[in-house]
Amino acid sequence: MLILSPHVKQAPRLIGALCVLSVLAGQAGGADGTKDDPALPIHPRTAQEQARINAVTAPTVDFTTPEPFEANQGGAGTVADTGDDTVFSLPPTTLPLNDRLDFELGHALFAKLWVSSPSSTKASDGLGPLFNARSCMRCHGKDGRGHPPEHPDDSRVSMFLRLSVPAPQTAALTEIEAYLADLDGPNATPRTRPAPGYGGQLQDFAITGHAAEGRMEITYTEIPVTLADGEIVMLRAPRYAISNPGSGALPEDLQTSPRVATPMIGLGLLEAIPAADLLAHADPEDENGDGISGRPNLVWSEREGAPMLGRFGWKAGEPSVEHQSAAAFHGDIGISTPLFPTTFGDCTVEQVACRTAPDGAGDVRGDEIDQSGLDLVTFYARNLAVPARRDVDDPEVLRGKEMFYTSGCASCHVPKFVTHRLEGATSTPQSFQLIWPYSDLLLHDMGPDLADNRPEGRASGREWRTPPLWGIGLTAQVSGVTSYLHDGRARSLLEAVLWHGGEAQTARDAVRVMPKTDRAALIRFLESL
């Protein structure tokens, strides 16, 4: 992970912006000086290694045969398709035997159901008081992606609404806001604050004696899209509302953003991609004129007390696997950790009863989940393996791969990277691996149809992180349903493509005019990932 300034707390305006600008200009990165996550035991690349990596990760121009190691999307630790819904829940084949117990313990904590306080079950109390789920696994079922409710009585547990309001002009700048203000100047993304009385997300469950914050309601409008060959594809445009608000009137300027849970596979590999390699794909001013202007999100790290490169979440709002895990405990379940030690989760100052309710902290654990527990969950999340590709040598799949490249999809869904060389046996699965995530992890303007109009950090209301595509063809197998994009509106991969706009408009239009056989091949390629 990129740490943009070790002294940003003391001098964000003098040091931070200069450091970021130098990185984005290509003056620092990897062997040139980029600082990645200090939690990763990085061994610097040699010039010879970098030259080999550049050759290996260059875009292919031969679509007649698979590339070397293309089937092993997750590197040497890639696992075989089990044929059932457990395929996203496996450790890498390269995970040392001595670490298997930590993986299983992390899995147990990931799946554990938390209970409210006070409770005789001291190791599991502290739930809420407001929450979206009682365990991590409830959102990430079988470690896969979430989905919107299929009918009014269906569970919403794997999806929720982010909430915010525009920050008042007089609101003091946080450290990250000051940092970004200096970096982006008048083009800085508008600031936000948690919604008064509701916080940063809508919690639709509460422990006994407390009221849930409300219920997310979704209605759809069907929109026909006619392809060049006359085929009609029906897209569904969602509208969101909150019924039964439990914490007073909703703010008139409320900003909402629907989010489904993301797949858990390959997170440790994404974390181990050198920051410089990701930044090499950033082109915020579109200097090469290709219409693609991805840019990095820069977010605050509670662990480092400094800005870092955002990699995780729908808007790249989290800098590391540990940070993402702790933030989910805090916001989704209401469990305190050393990174987010407040025991009342996302409750605001207006929610007095929530903030003063009994909690599970203060015993031998300290926080409701202590550092050793958080480490185990992080270890589990870092080591969920990526399944192998299927049918990589099938002629139709290879033709679809060519369509993927020639239509421009690979400009954002960058196929391959080589991870850092890492020291230590526990880093074996992530160390120096050729991986195929099909993402640059950067922010891209996806146009008005996908806009949530809710800024997040540096991300505007139209920008989203390019989601990795590895494993996407196993969605139905793992989750039981197919739903794609940030809010699950797309019921098929073709629908997902046709929702693309903004920087992806050209690629989408190329798909719309493709002959039916080429379009089918493209979908077949995506299903092979």
Protein backbone atom coordinates (compact mmCIF):
# COMPACT_ATOMS: atom_id res chain seq x y z
CA MET A 1 0.00 0.00 0.00
CA LEU A 2 1.21 3.47 -0.78
CA ILE A 3 1.86 5.64 2.27
CA LEU A 4 1.92 9.12 0.88
CA SER A 5 3.64 10.84 3.77
CA PRO A 6 4.83 9.49 7.11
CA HIS A 7 4.36 12.95 8.63
CA VAL A 8 1.01 13.86 7.11
CA LYS A 9 -0.57 14.28 10.54
CA GLN A 10 1.86 17.07 11.30
CA ALA A 11 2.12 18.67 7.88
CA PRO A 12 -0.47 17.44 5.38
CA ARG A 13 -0.42 20.60 3.30
CA LEU A 14 3.33 20.98 3.06
CA ILE A 15 4.39 17.38 2.59
CA GLY A 16 1.40 15.29 1.61
CA ALA A 17 0.33 16.97 -1.62
CA LEU A 18 3.90 17.20 -2.91
CA CYS A 19 4.42 13.52 -2.21
CA VAL A 20 1.22 12.52 -4.03
CA LEU A 21 1.94 14.74 -6.98
CA SER A 22 5.40 13.27 -7.38
CA VAL A 23 4.00 9.75 -7.27
CA LEU A 24 1.26 10.49 -9.77
CA ALA A 25 3.80 12.11 -12.04
CA GLY A 26 5.80 8.91 -12.03
CA GLN A 27 8.67 10.22 -9.92
CA ALA A 28 8.22 7.62 -7.21
CA GLY A 29 7.07 4.06 -7.40
CA GLY A 30 8.27 0.61 -6.46
CA ALA A 31 12.03 0.55 -6.89
CA ASP A 32 11.89 4.31 -7.51
CA GLY A 33 10.80 5.03 -3.96
CA THR A 34 7.11 4.25 -3.51
CA LYS A 35 6.37 3.12 0.04
CA ASP A 36 3.92 0.24 0.21
CA ASP A 37 2.08 -1.17 3.18
CA PRO A 38 4.62 -1.62 5.99
CA ALA A 39 2.62 -4.64 7.17
CA LEU A 40 3.86 -6.41 4.04
CA PRO A 41 7.48 -7.66 4.26
CA ILE A 42 8.49 -6.39 0.82
CA HIS A 43 11.74 -7.36 -0.89
CA PRO A 44 12.55 -4.71 -3.54
CA ARG A 45 12.61 -5.78 -7.17
CA THR A 46 15.81 -5.77 -9.13
CA ALA A 47 16.06 -4.08 -12.51
CA GLN A 48 16.25 -7.49 -14.17
CA GLU A 49 13.08 -8.64 -12.41
CA GLN A 50 11.24 -5.49 -13.41
CA ALA A 51 12.19 -6.00 -17.04
CA ARG A 52 10.87 -9.57 -16.93
CA ILE A 53 7.68 -8.41 -15.24
CA ASN A 54 7.11 -5.71 -17.85
CA ALA A 55 7.38 -8.32 -20.60
CA VAL A 56 5.09 -10.82 -18.87
CA THR A 57 2.35 -8.28 -18.06
CA ALA A 58 2.33 -6.59 -21.47
CA PRO A 59 -1.08 -6.93 -23.20
CA THR A 60 -1.25 -9.92 -25.48
CA VAL A 61 -1.77 -9.61 -29.23
CA ASP A 62 -2.16 -13.33 -29.91
CA PHE A 63 -5.67 -14.68 -29.38
CA THR A 64 -5.15 -18.05 -31.06
CA THR A 65 -3.92 -19.81 -27.94
CA PRO A 66 -3.98 -19.24 -24.17
CA GLU A 67 -1.15 -17.28 -22.57
CA PRO A 68 1.27 -19.12 -20.27
CA PHE A 69 -0.23 -19.68 -16.80
CA GLU A 70 -3.48 -17.94 -17.82
CA ALA A 71 -5.60 -20.66 -16.24
CA ASN A 72 -3.99 -20.00 -12.84
CA GLN A 73 -5.75 -16.71 -12.13
CA GLY A 74 -4.53 -16.59 -8.54
CA GLY A 75 -0.94 -17.59 -9.24
CA ALA A 76 0.60 -20.78 -7.90
CA GLY A 77 -2.02 -20.99 -5.14
CA THR A 78 -4.94 -21.21 -7.59
CA VAL A 79 -7.47 -23.87 -6.60
CA ALA A 80 -9.49 -26.19 -8.80
CA ASP A 81 -13.22 -25.64 -9.26
CA THR A 82 -14.97 -27.85 -6.73
CA GLY A 83 -18.18 -27.83 -8.73
CA ASP A 84 -20.17 -26.64 -5.70
CA ASP A 85 -20.70 -23.52 -3.59
CA THR A 86 -17.53 -23.98 -1.53
CA VAL A 87 -15.18 -22.95 -4.32
CA PHE A 88 -14.64 -19.40 -2.93
CA SER A 89 -13.94 -20.65 0.60
CA LEU A 90 -10.68 -22.52 0.07
CA PRO A 91 -7.13 -21.62 1.11
CA PRO A 92 -4.45 -21.36 -1.58
CA THR A 93 -2.74 -24.63 -2.45
CA THR A 94 0.53 -22.95 -1.45
CA LEU A 95 -0.57 -22.01 2.09
CA PRO A 96 1.96 -23.64 4.45
CA LEU A 97 0.53 -26.47 6.52
CA ASN A 98 1.45 -24.65 9.73
CA ASP A 99 -0.86 -21.79 8.73
CA ARG A 100 -3.93 -23.91 8.04
CA LEU A 101 -5.06 -23.70 11.66
CA ASP A 102 -4.96 -19.89 11.58
CA PHE A 103 -6.99 -19.98 8.37
CA GLU A 104 -9.63 -22.18 10.00
CA LEU A 105 -9.72 -20.05 13.15
CA GLY A 106 -10.16 -16.96 10.99
CA HIS A 107 -12.97 -18.68 9.15
CA ALA A 108 -14.66 -19.49 12.47
CA LEU A 109 -14.51 -15.82 13.52
CA PHE A 110 -15.73 -14.75 10.07
CA ALA A 111 -18.75 -17.04 10.42
CA LYS A 112 -19.39 -16.48 14.14
CA LEU A 113 -22.79 -15.10 15.15
CA TRP A 114 -22.42 -12.20 17.58
CA VAL A 115 -24.89 -11.65 20.43
CA SER A 116 -25.97 -8.57 22.35
CA SER A 117 -24.58 -7.51 25.72
CA PRO A 118 -24.71 -8.37 28.51
CA SER A 119 -24.29 -12.07 27.82
CA SER A 120 -22.73 -15.07 29.47
CA THR A 121 -21.01 -15.71 26.14
CA LYS A 122 -18.29 -13.17 26.77
CA ALA A 123 -16.27 -14.03 23.69
CA SER A 124 -19.20 -13.28 21.38
CA ASP A 125 -21.08 -10.36 22.89
CA GLY A 126 -21.18 -6.74 21.76
CA LEU A 127 -23.52 -6.93 18.78
CA GLY A 128 -24.95 -3.61 17.63
CA PRO A 129 -26.94 -2.02 19.14
CA LEU A 130 -27.75 -1.30 15.47
CA PHE A 131 -26.45 -3.63 12.78
CA ASN A 132 -26.85 -5.04 9.28
CA ALA A 133 -25.78 -8.61 10.01
CA ARG A 134 -24.75 -10.78 12.96
CA SER A 135 -21.70 -12.19 11.19
CA CYS A 136 -19.37 -11.45 8.29
CA MET A 137 -20.53 -14.60 6.54
CA ARG A 138 -24.17 -13.46 6.55
CA CYS A 139 -23.24 -10.67 4.10
CA HIS A 140 -20.59 -12.61 2.19
CA GLY A 141 -22.47 -15.90 1.91
CA LYS A 142 -20.02 -18.67 0.98
CA ASP A 143 -17.49 -15.82 0.60
CA GLY A 144 -19.31 -14.71 -2.55
CA ARG A 145 -21.09 -11.59 -3.71
CA GLY A 146 -24.30 -10.21 -2.27
CA HIS A 147 -27.52 -9.57 -4.12
CA PRO A 148 -30.59 -7.36 -3.82
CA PRO A 149 -33.80 -8.90 -2.44
CA GLU A 150 -35.59 -10.93 -5.07
CA HIS A 151 -39.04 -10.12 -3.64
CA PRO A 152 -40.45 -7.86 -0.88
CA ASP A 153 -40.05 -10.50 1.83
CA ASP A 154 -36.56 -11.56 0.78
CA SER A 155 -33.61 -10.82 3.08
CA ARG A 156 -31.60 -7.65 2.56
CA VAL A 157 -28.70 -8.95 4.62
CA SER A 158 -26.11 -8.91 1.82
CA MET A 159 -26.94 -5.35 0.72
CA PHE A 160 -27.32 -2.00 2.43
CA LEU A 161 -27.45 1.75 1.81
CA ARG A 162 -24.52 4.04 2.48
CA LEU A 163 -25.74 7.38 3.87
CA SER A 164 -24.32 10.89 4.05
CA VAL A 165 -25.17 14.57 3.75
CA PRO A 166 -23.11 17.36 2.19
CA ALA A 167 -20.61 18.76 4.66
CA PRO A 168 -21.40 22.34 5.79
CA GLN A 169 -19.00 24.90 4.41
CA THR A 170 -18.03 25.76 7.97
CA ALA A 171 -17.21 22.17 8.92
CA ALA A 172 -13.58 21.74 9.90
CA LEU A 173 -11.52 19.70 7.47
CA THR A 174 -10.48 16.25 8.56
CA GLU A 175 -6.87 15.26 7.98
CA ILE A 176 -7.68 13.42 4.77
CA GLU A 177 -9.88 16.26 3.54
CA ALA A 178 -7.11 18.78 4.09
CA TYR A 179 -4.75 16.48 2.26
CA LEU A 180 -7.03 16.13 -0.74
CA ALA A 181 -7.88 19.82 -0.79
CA ASP A 182 -4.22 20.60 -1.28
CA LEU A 183 -3.80 17.86 -3.84
CA ASP A 184 -6.86 18.56 -5.99
CA GLY A 185 -7.46 22.25 -5.26
CA PRO A 186 -10.72 23.61 -6.73
CA ASN A 187 -11.36 20.20 -8.34
CA ALA A 188 -11.49 18.44 -4.99
CA THR A 189 -14.47 16.11 -4.55
CA PRO A 190 -17.22 17.69 -2.38
CA ARG A 191 -17.00 16.69 1.25
CA THR A 192 -19.66 14.74 3.13
CA ARG A 193 -20.63 13.94 6.71
CA PRO A 194 -22.61 11.05 8.22
CA ALA A 195 -26.35 11.62 8.12
CA PRO A 196 -27.57 13.16 11.44
CA GLY A 197 -29.42 10.53 13.45
CA TYR A 198 -28.50 7.77 11.02
CA GLY A 199 -24.75 7.72 10.48
CA GLY A 200 -22.83 6.37 7.53
CA GLN A 201 -25.12 3.49 6.59
CA LEU A 202 -28.68 2.37 7.13
CA GLN A 203 -28.84 -0.35 9.78
CA ASP A 204 -32.03 -2.35 9.35
CA PHE A 205 -31.63 -4.51 12.46
CA ALA A 206 -31.38 -3.67 16.15
CA ILE A 207 -30.97 -5.56 19.41
CA THR A 208 -33.90 -5.90 21.79
CA GLY A 209 -35.03 -2.56 23.18
CA HIS A 210 -33.79 -0.52 20.22
CA ALA A 211 -35.44 0.43 16.94
CA ALA A 212 -33.92 -0.36 13.58
CA GLU A 213 -33.10 2.70 11.47
CA GLY A 214 -35.46 1.74 8.67
CA ARG A 215 -35.95 -0.56 5.74
CA MET A 216 -34.43 -0.20 2.29
CA GLU A 217 -37.07 -0.36 -0.41
CA ILE A 218 -36.30 -1.00 -4.09
CA THR A 219 -38.52 -0.57 -7.12
CA TYR A 220 -37.47 -1.24 -10.70
CA THR A 221 -38.37 0.24 -14.06
CA GLU A 222 -37.74 -1.94 -17.10
CA ILE A 223 -35.78 -0.26 -19.89
CA PRO A 224 -35.48 -1.92 -23.32
CA VAL A 225 -32.14 -1.68 -25.11
CA THR A 226 -32.05 -2.68 -28.77
CA LEU A 227 -28.79 -4.11 -30.08
CA ALA A 228 -27.57 -3.60 -33.63
CA ASP A 229 -28.87 -6.99 -34.76
CA GLY A 230 -32.34 -6.29 -33.39
CA GLU A 231 -32.05 -8.27 -30.16
CA ILE A 232 -33.77 -6.51 -27.26
CA VAL A 233 -32.28 -6.68 -23.78
CA MET A 234 -34.35 -5.51 -20.84
CA LEU A 235 -32.44 -3.55 -18.20
CA ARG A 236 -33.94 -2.76 -14.81
CA ALA A 237 -33.32 0.71 -13.38
CA PRO A 238 -33.62 0.74 -9.58
CA ARG A 239 -35.04 3.44 -7.33
CA TYR A 240 -34.36 3.43 -3.61
CA ALA A 241 -36.34 4.64 -0.64
CA ILE A 242 -36.28 4.20 3.13
CA SER A 243 -39.47 3.13 4.85
CA ASN A 244 -40.22 3.18 8.59
CA PRO A 245 -37.38 5.56 9.54
CA GLY A 246 -36.61 4.81 13.16
CA SER A 247 -34.39 7.75 14.10
CA GLY A 248 -36.49 10.74 13.22
CA ALA A 249 -37.11 12.51 9.95
CA LEU A 250 -34.64 11.72 7.19
CA PRO A 251 -32.48 14.71 6.17
CA GLU A 252 -33.80 16.51 3.10
CA ASP A 253 -30.31 16.51 1.59
CA LEU A 254 -29.72 12.82 2.30
CA GLN A 255 -27.31 11.07 -0.08
CA THR A 256 -27.68 7.33 -0.50
CA SER A 257 -25.61 4.68 -2.22
CA PRO A 258 -26.72 1.04 -2.50
CA ARG A 259 -23.99 -1.56 -2.08
CA VAL A 260 -23.98 -5.34 -2.36
CA ALA A 261 -21.28 -7.34 -0.61
CA THR A 262 -18.24 -8.02 -2.80
CA PRO A 263 -16.62 -11.44 -3.33
CA MET A 264 -13.84 -12.28 -0.87
CA ILE A 265 -11.44 -14.16 -3.13
CA GLY A 266 -7.94 -12.90 -3.92
CA LEU A 267 -7.90 -9.95 -1.51
CA GLY A 268 -4.38 -10.65 -0.28
CA LEU A 269 -3.13 -10.81 -3.85
CA LEU A 270 -4.72 -7.45 -4.68
CA GLU A 271 -3.11 -5.99 -1.57
CA ALA A 272 0.30 -7.25 -2.74
CA ILE A 273 0.23 -5.52 -6.15
CA PRO A 274 2.87 -2.77 -6.02
CA ALA A 275 1.31 0.67 -5.74
CA ALA A 276 3.55 1.89 -8.54
CA ASP A 277 2.13 -0.72 -10.92
CA LEU A 278 -1.41 0.45 -10.22
CA LEU A 279 -0.49 4.11 -10.49
CA ALA A 280 1.16 3.41 -13.86
CA HIS A 281 -2.37 2.93 -15.25
CA ALA A 282 -3.67 6.23 -13.84
CA ASP A 283 -4.28 8.93 -16.45
CA PRO A 284 -6.52 11.49 -14.71
CA GLU A 285 -6.18 14.06 -17.51
CA ASP A 286 -6.52 11.45 -20.30
CA GLU A 287 -3.21 12.56 -21.75
CA ASN A 288 -3.15 9.65 -24.21
CA GLY A 289 -6.59 10.58 -25.54
CA ASP A 290 -8.14 7.13 -25.26
CA GLY A 291 -11.13 8.36 -23.23
CA ILE A 292 -9.98 6.45 -20.13
CA SER A 293 -8.91 8.64 -17.22
CA GLY A 294 -8.66 6.41 -14.19
CA ARG A 295 -7.34 7.90 -10.99
CA PRO A 296 -6.45 6.53 -7.57
CA ASN A 297 -8.55 7.02 -4.50
CA LEU A 298 -6.53 8.22 -1.53
CA VAL A 299 -7.93 7.29 1.85
CA TRP A 300 -7.05 7.51 5.54
CA SER A 301 -5.37 4.56 7.20
CA GLU A 302 -6.20 4.19 10.88
CA ARG A 303 -3.27 1.81 11.25
CA GLU A 304 -0.68 4.17 9.79
CA GLY A 305 -2.28 7.49 10.69
CA ALA A 306 -1.63 8.64 7.12
CA PRO A 307 -3.21 8.69 3.65
CA MET A 308 -2.77 5.53 1.59
CA LEU A 309 -3.83 4.22 -1.77
CA GLY A 310 -7.40 2.89 -1.67
CA ARG A 311 -7.85 -0.61 -3.09
CA PHE A 312 -10.95 -2.22 -1.59
CA GLY A 313 -14.66 -1.49 -1.65
CA TRP A 314 -16.88 -0.28 -4.48
CA LYS A 315 -15.19 3.13 -4.47
CA ALA A 316 -11.73 1.98 -3.32
CA GLY A 317 -12.49 3.49 0.08
CA GLU A 318 -10.35 1.07 2.12
CA PRO A 319 -6.54 0.84 2.04
CA SER A 320 -5.90 -2.69 3.31
CA VAL A 321 -7.53 -6.01 4.08
CA GLU A 322 -7.18 -5.34 7.80
CA HIS A 323 -8.78 -1.90 7.51
CA GLN A 324 -11.62 -3.28 5.39
CA SER A 325 -12.25 -6.05 7.94
CA ALA A 326 -12.24 -3.69 10.92
CA ALA A 327 -14.50 -1.18 9.17
CA ALA A 328 -17.01 -3.94 8.41
CA PHE A 329 -17.00 -5.09 12.04
CA HIS A 330 -17.62 -1.48 13.09
CA GLY A 331 -20.31 -0.48 10.60
CA ASP A 332 -22.04 -3.74 9.70
CA ILE A 333 -22.06 -5.59 13.03
CA GLY A 334 -21.32 -2.91 15.64
CA ILE A 335 -18.22 -4.69 16.98
CA SER A 336 -15.27 -2.66 18.25
CA THR A 337 -11.68 -3.40 17.22
CA PRO A 338 -8.32 -1.76 17.94
CA LEU A 339 -8.69 0.23 14.70
CA PHE A 340 -12.28 1.32 15.44
CA PRO A 341 -12.60 1.10 19.24
CA THR A 342 -16.02 2.74 19.68
CA THR A 343 -18.38 0.12 21.07
CA PHE A 344 -21.59 1.51 19.57
CA GLY A 345 -20.68 1.09 15.92
CA ASP A 346 -22.16 3.63 13.53
CA CYS A 347 -24.48 5.32 16.04
CA THR A 348 -24.46 9.14 15.88
CA VAL A 349 -24.48 11.67 18.72
CA GLU A 350 -28.24 12.04 18.22
CA GLN A 351 -28.74 8.33 18.97
CA VAL A 352 -28.14 8.60 22.71
CA ALA A 353 -29.76 5.29 23.70
CA CYS A 354 -27.60 3.47 21.17
CA ARG A 355 -24.41 5.07 22.42
CA THR A 356 -25.14 4.33 26.07
CA ALA A 357 -26.31 0.73 25.66
CA PRO A 358 -24.34 -2.10 27.33
CA ASP A 359 -21.39 -3.33 25.29
CA GLY A 360 -18.98 -6.24 25.24
CA ALA A 361 -15.72 -4.35 25.68
CA GLY A 362 -13.62 -4.05 28.81
CA ASP A 363 -13.12 -7.71 29.62
CA VAL A 364 -9.97 -9.71 28.93
CA ARG A 365 -10.33 -8.94 25.21
CA GLY A 366 -10.22 -5.18 25.68
CA ASP A 367 -12.13 -4.43 22.48
CA GLU A 368 -15.06 -6.58 21.46
CA ILE A 369 -12.71 -8.30 19.04
CA ASP A 370 -9.09 -7.87 20.04
CA GLN A 371 -6.02 -7.58 17.83
CA SER A 372 -5.36 -11.31 17.78
CA GLY A 373 -8.94 -11.93 16.63
CA LEU A 374 -8.74 -9.21 14.02
CA ASP A 375 -5.44 -10.67 12.82
CA LEU A 376 -7.07 -14.08 12.34
CA VAL A 377 -9.99 -12.65 10.36
CA THR A 378 -7.56 -10.61 8.26
CA PHE A 379 -5.43 -13.69 7.64
CA TYR A 380 -8.50 -15.62 6.50
CA ALA A 381 -9.62 -12.80 4.21
CA ARG A 382 -6.13 -12.43 2.75
CA ASN A 383 -5.90 -16.12 1.95
CA LEU A 384 -9.16 -17.00 0.23
CA ALA A 385 -7.94 -18.55 -2.99
CA VAL A 386 -8.90 -17.70 -6.55
CA PRO A 387 -10.38 -20.57 -8.60
CA ALA A 388 -8.82 -21.69 -11.86
CA ARG A 389 -10.14 -20.53 -15.23
CA ARG A 390 -12.26 -22.92 -17.23
CA ASP A 391 -12.06 -23.64 -20.98
CA VAL A 392 -9.11 -21.31 -21.58
CA ASP A 393 -8.27 -23.07 -24.84
CA ASP A 394 -11.83 -23.23 -26.17
CA PRO A 395 -11.97 -21.44 -29.56
CA GLU A 396 -15.10 -19.50 -28.62
CA VAL A 397 -13.53 -18.37 -25.33
CA LEU A 398 -10.40 -17.24 -27.18
CA ARG A 399 -12.56 -15.31 -29.66
CA GLY A 400 -14.37 -13.72 -26.72
CA LYS A 401 -11.05 -12.75 -25.19
CA GLU A 402 -10.15 -10.99 -28.45
CA MET A 403 -13.47 -9.13 -28.33
CA PHE A 404 -12.72 -8.13 -24.73
CA TYR A 405 -9.44 -6.56 -25.79
CA THR A 406 -10.51 -4.99 -29.10
CA SER A 407 -13.64 -3.40 -27.63
CA GLY A 408 -11.53 -1.66 -24.97
CA CYS A 409 -12.63 -3.56 -21.87
CA ALA A 410 -9.02 -4.33 -20.95
CA SER A 411 -8.25 -0.61 -20.62
CA CYS A 412 -9.86 -0.59 -17.15
CA HIS A 413 -10.16 -4.32 -16.46
CA VAL A 414 -6.37 -4.70 -16.70
CA PRO A 415 -5.78 -8.44 -17.03
CA LYS A 416 -2.57 -9.19 -15.15
CA PHE A 417 -0.05 -8.04 -12.58
CA VAL A 418 2.90 -9.51 -10.70
CA THR A 419 2.75 -9.11 -6.94
CA HIS A 420 5.55 -7.96 -4.65
CA ARG A 421 8.23 -10.40 -3.65
CA LEU A 422 7.45 -10.87 0.04
CA GLU A 423 9.58 -12.34 2.81
CA GLY A 424 8.36 -14.91 5.32
CA ALA A 425 6.54 -18.23 5.07
CA THR A 426 3.11 -16.74 5.85
CA SER A 427 3.43 -14.54 2.73
CA THR A 428 4.09 -17.46 0.39
CA PRO A 429 0.67 -17.43 -1.35
CA GLN A 430 0.94 -13.71 -2.19
CA SER A 431 4.66 -13.48 -2.96
CA PHE A 432 5.84 -12.83 -6.53
CA GLN A 433 2.77 -14.24 -8.23
CA LEU A 434 1.54 -13.64 -11.75
CA ILE A 435 -2.16 -12.96 -11.18
CA TRP A 436 -5.11 -12.20 -13.45
CA PRO A 437 -7.64 -10.01 -11.56
CA TYR A 438 -8.88 -8.02 -14.57
CA SER A 439 -8.89 -4.72 -12.68
CA ASP A 440 -6.72 -1.64 -12.27
CA LEU A 441 -8.32 -0.87 -8.85
CA LEU A 442 -8.66 2.76 -10.00
CA LEU A 443 -11.67 5.09 -10.04
CA HIS A 444 -13.50 5.64 -13.32
CA ASP A 445 -16.44 7.82 -14.31
CA MET A 446 -19.11 5.31 -15.27
CA GLY A 447 -21.66 7.83 -16.52
CA PRO A 448 -25.00 9.12 -15.22
CA ASP A 449 -26.92 5.84 -15.36
CA LEU A 450 -24.69 4.16 -12.77
CA ALA A 451 -24.08 7.30 -10.71
CA ASP A 452 -25.11 7.25 -7.07
CA ASN A 453 -24.41 11.01 -6.78
CA ARG A 454 -22.76 10.39 -3.42
CA PRO A 455 -19.09 11.38 -3.10
CA GLU A 456 -16.81 9.16 -1.06
CA GLY A 457 -13.34 10.43 -0.26
CA ARG A 458 -11.82 11.35 -3.56
CA ALA A 459 -14.43 9.44 -5.58
CA SER A 460 -17.16 11.53 -7.15
CA GLY A 461 -20.81 10.53 -7.38
CA ARG A 462 -20.13 9.06 -10.84
CA GLU A 463 -16.91 7.22 -10.10
CA TRP A 464 -16.46 3.57 -9.17
CA ARG A 465 -13.46 1.34 -8.67
CA THR A 466 -12.98 -1.18 -11.46
CA PRO A 467 -14.20 -4.42 -9.86
CA PRO A 468 -11.98 -7.49 -10.35
CA LEU A 469 -13.55 -10.03 -12.69
CA TRP A 470 -11.81 -13.20 -11.53
CA GLY A 471 -14.37 -15.73 -10.37
CA ILE A 472 -17.29 -13.85 -11.93
CA GLY A 473 -18.30 -16.88 -13.99
CA LEU A 474 -18.91 -18.85 -10.78
CA THR A 475 -21.39 -16.35 -9.33
CA ALA A 476 -24.47 -18.54 -9.72
CA GLN A 477 -22.62 -21.60 -8.45
CA VAL A 478 -21.53 -19.86 -5.24
CA SER A 479 -24.40 -17.45 -4.55
CA GLY A 480 -27.34 -19.20 -6.17
CA VAL A 481 -28.32 -16.09 -8.16
CA THR A 482 -26.64 -13.87 -10.72
CA SER A 483 -26.50 -10.20 -9.84
CA TYR A 484 -23.81 -7.79 -10.92
CA LEU A 485 -22.69 -4.17 -10.49
CA HIS A 486 -22.57 -2.25 -7.22
CA ASP A 487 -26.29 -2.65 -6.53
CA GLY A 488 -26.95 -5.98 -8.20
CA ARG A 489 -29.29 -4.46 -10.78
CA ALA A 490 -27.81 -6.49 -13.64
CA ARG A 491 -29.19 -10.04 -13.81
CA SER A 492 -26.77 -11.15 -16.51
CA LEU A 493 -23.27 -10.27 -17.66
CA LEU A 494 -24.67 -8.72 -20.84
CA GLU A 495 -26.94 -6.47 -18.78
CA ALA A 496 -23.93 -5.43 -16.71
CA VAL A 497 -22.00 -4.48 -19.85
CA LEU A 498 -24.93 -2.51 -21.26
CA TRP A 499 -25.16 -0.38 -18.11
CA HIS A 500 -21.61 0.90 -18.67
CA GLY A 501 -21.29 4.57 -19.60
CA GLY A 502 -18.90 7.45 -19.13
CA GLU A 503 -15.37 6.24 -19.73
CA ALA A 504 -16.77 2.83 -20.70
CA GLN A 505 -19.24 4.22 -23.26
CA THR A 506 -17.05 3.33 -26.24
CA ALA A 507 -16.58 -0.23 -25.04
CA ARG A 508 -20.30 -0.60 -24.38
CA ASP A 509 -21.17 0.72 -27.84
CA ALA A 510 -18.71 -1.73 -29.39
CA VAL A 511 -20.57 -4.57 -27.69
CA ARG A 512 -23.95 -3.26 -28.87
CA VAL A 513 -22.88 -3.40 -32.53
CA MET A 514 -21.05 -6.73 -32.35
CA PRO A 515 -22.36 -9.62 -34.42
CA LYS A 516 -24.35 -11.99 -32.20
CA THR A 517 -21.67 -14.69 -32.44
CA ASP A 518 -18.95 -12.33 -31.22
CA ARG A 519 -21.16 -11.03 -28.41
CA ALA A 520 -21.88 -14.59 -27.30
CA ALA A 521 -18.15 -15.33 -27.39
CA LEU A 522 -17.45 -12.30 -25.21
CA ILE A 523 -19.95 -13.51 -22.60
CA ARG A 524 -18.48 -17.00 -22.82
CA PHE A 525 -15.04 -15.53 -22.10
CA LEU A 526 -16.36 -13.66 -19.05
CA GLU A 527 -18.03 -16.84 -17.82
CA SER A 528 -14.67 -18.61 -18.04
CA LEU A 529 -13.06 -16.21 -15.56
